[in-house]
Amino acid sequence: MTRSADDGRVRQAKGSVQEAIGKLIGDVAVERHGARESNAGAREATAADAHADGKPAGKVSPKPKAKSGAKSGSGSKGAGPKGDTR
């Protein structure tokens, strides 16, 4: 665990407390701000943990993109292997 991960967890906890206070006093703005802060702290901690483990943050294995101009389907249009265009 790194200092950045610890900082993220502290930020997450502070946001959770702020969100609970907002609910308790009935202040929607304070509640929303706390929720945003908590989510940001969770993302910060997760990213720091992934960085410490040598893994990329975010998606681990994104889907490969298709080559431009390539169509999915069977075969190609036009002539066959020996120039046959039946």
Foldseek 3Di string as FASTA:
>chain_A
DDPQLVQLQVQLVQLVVQLVVCVVVVNVVSNVSSVVSNVRSVLRNQCVVCVVVVAHRDDRDDDDDDDPPDDDDDDDDAADPVRDGD
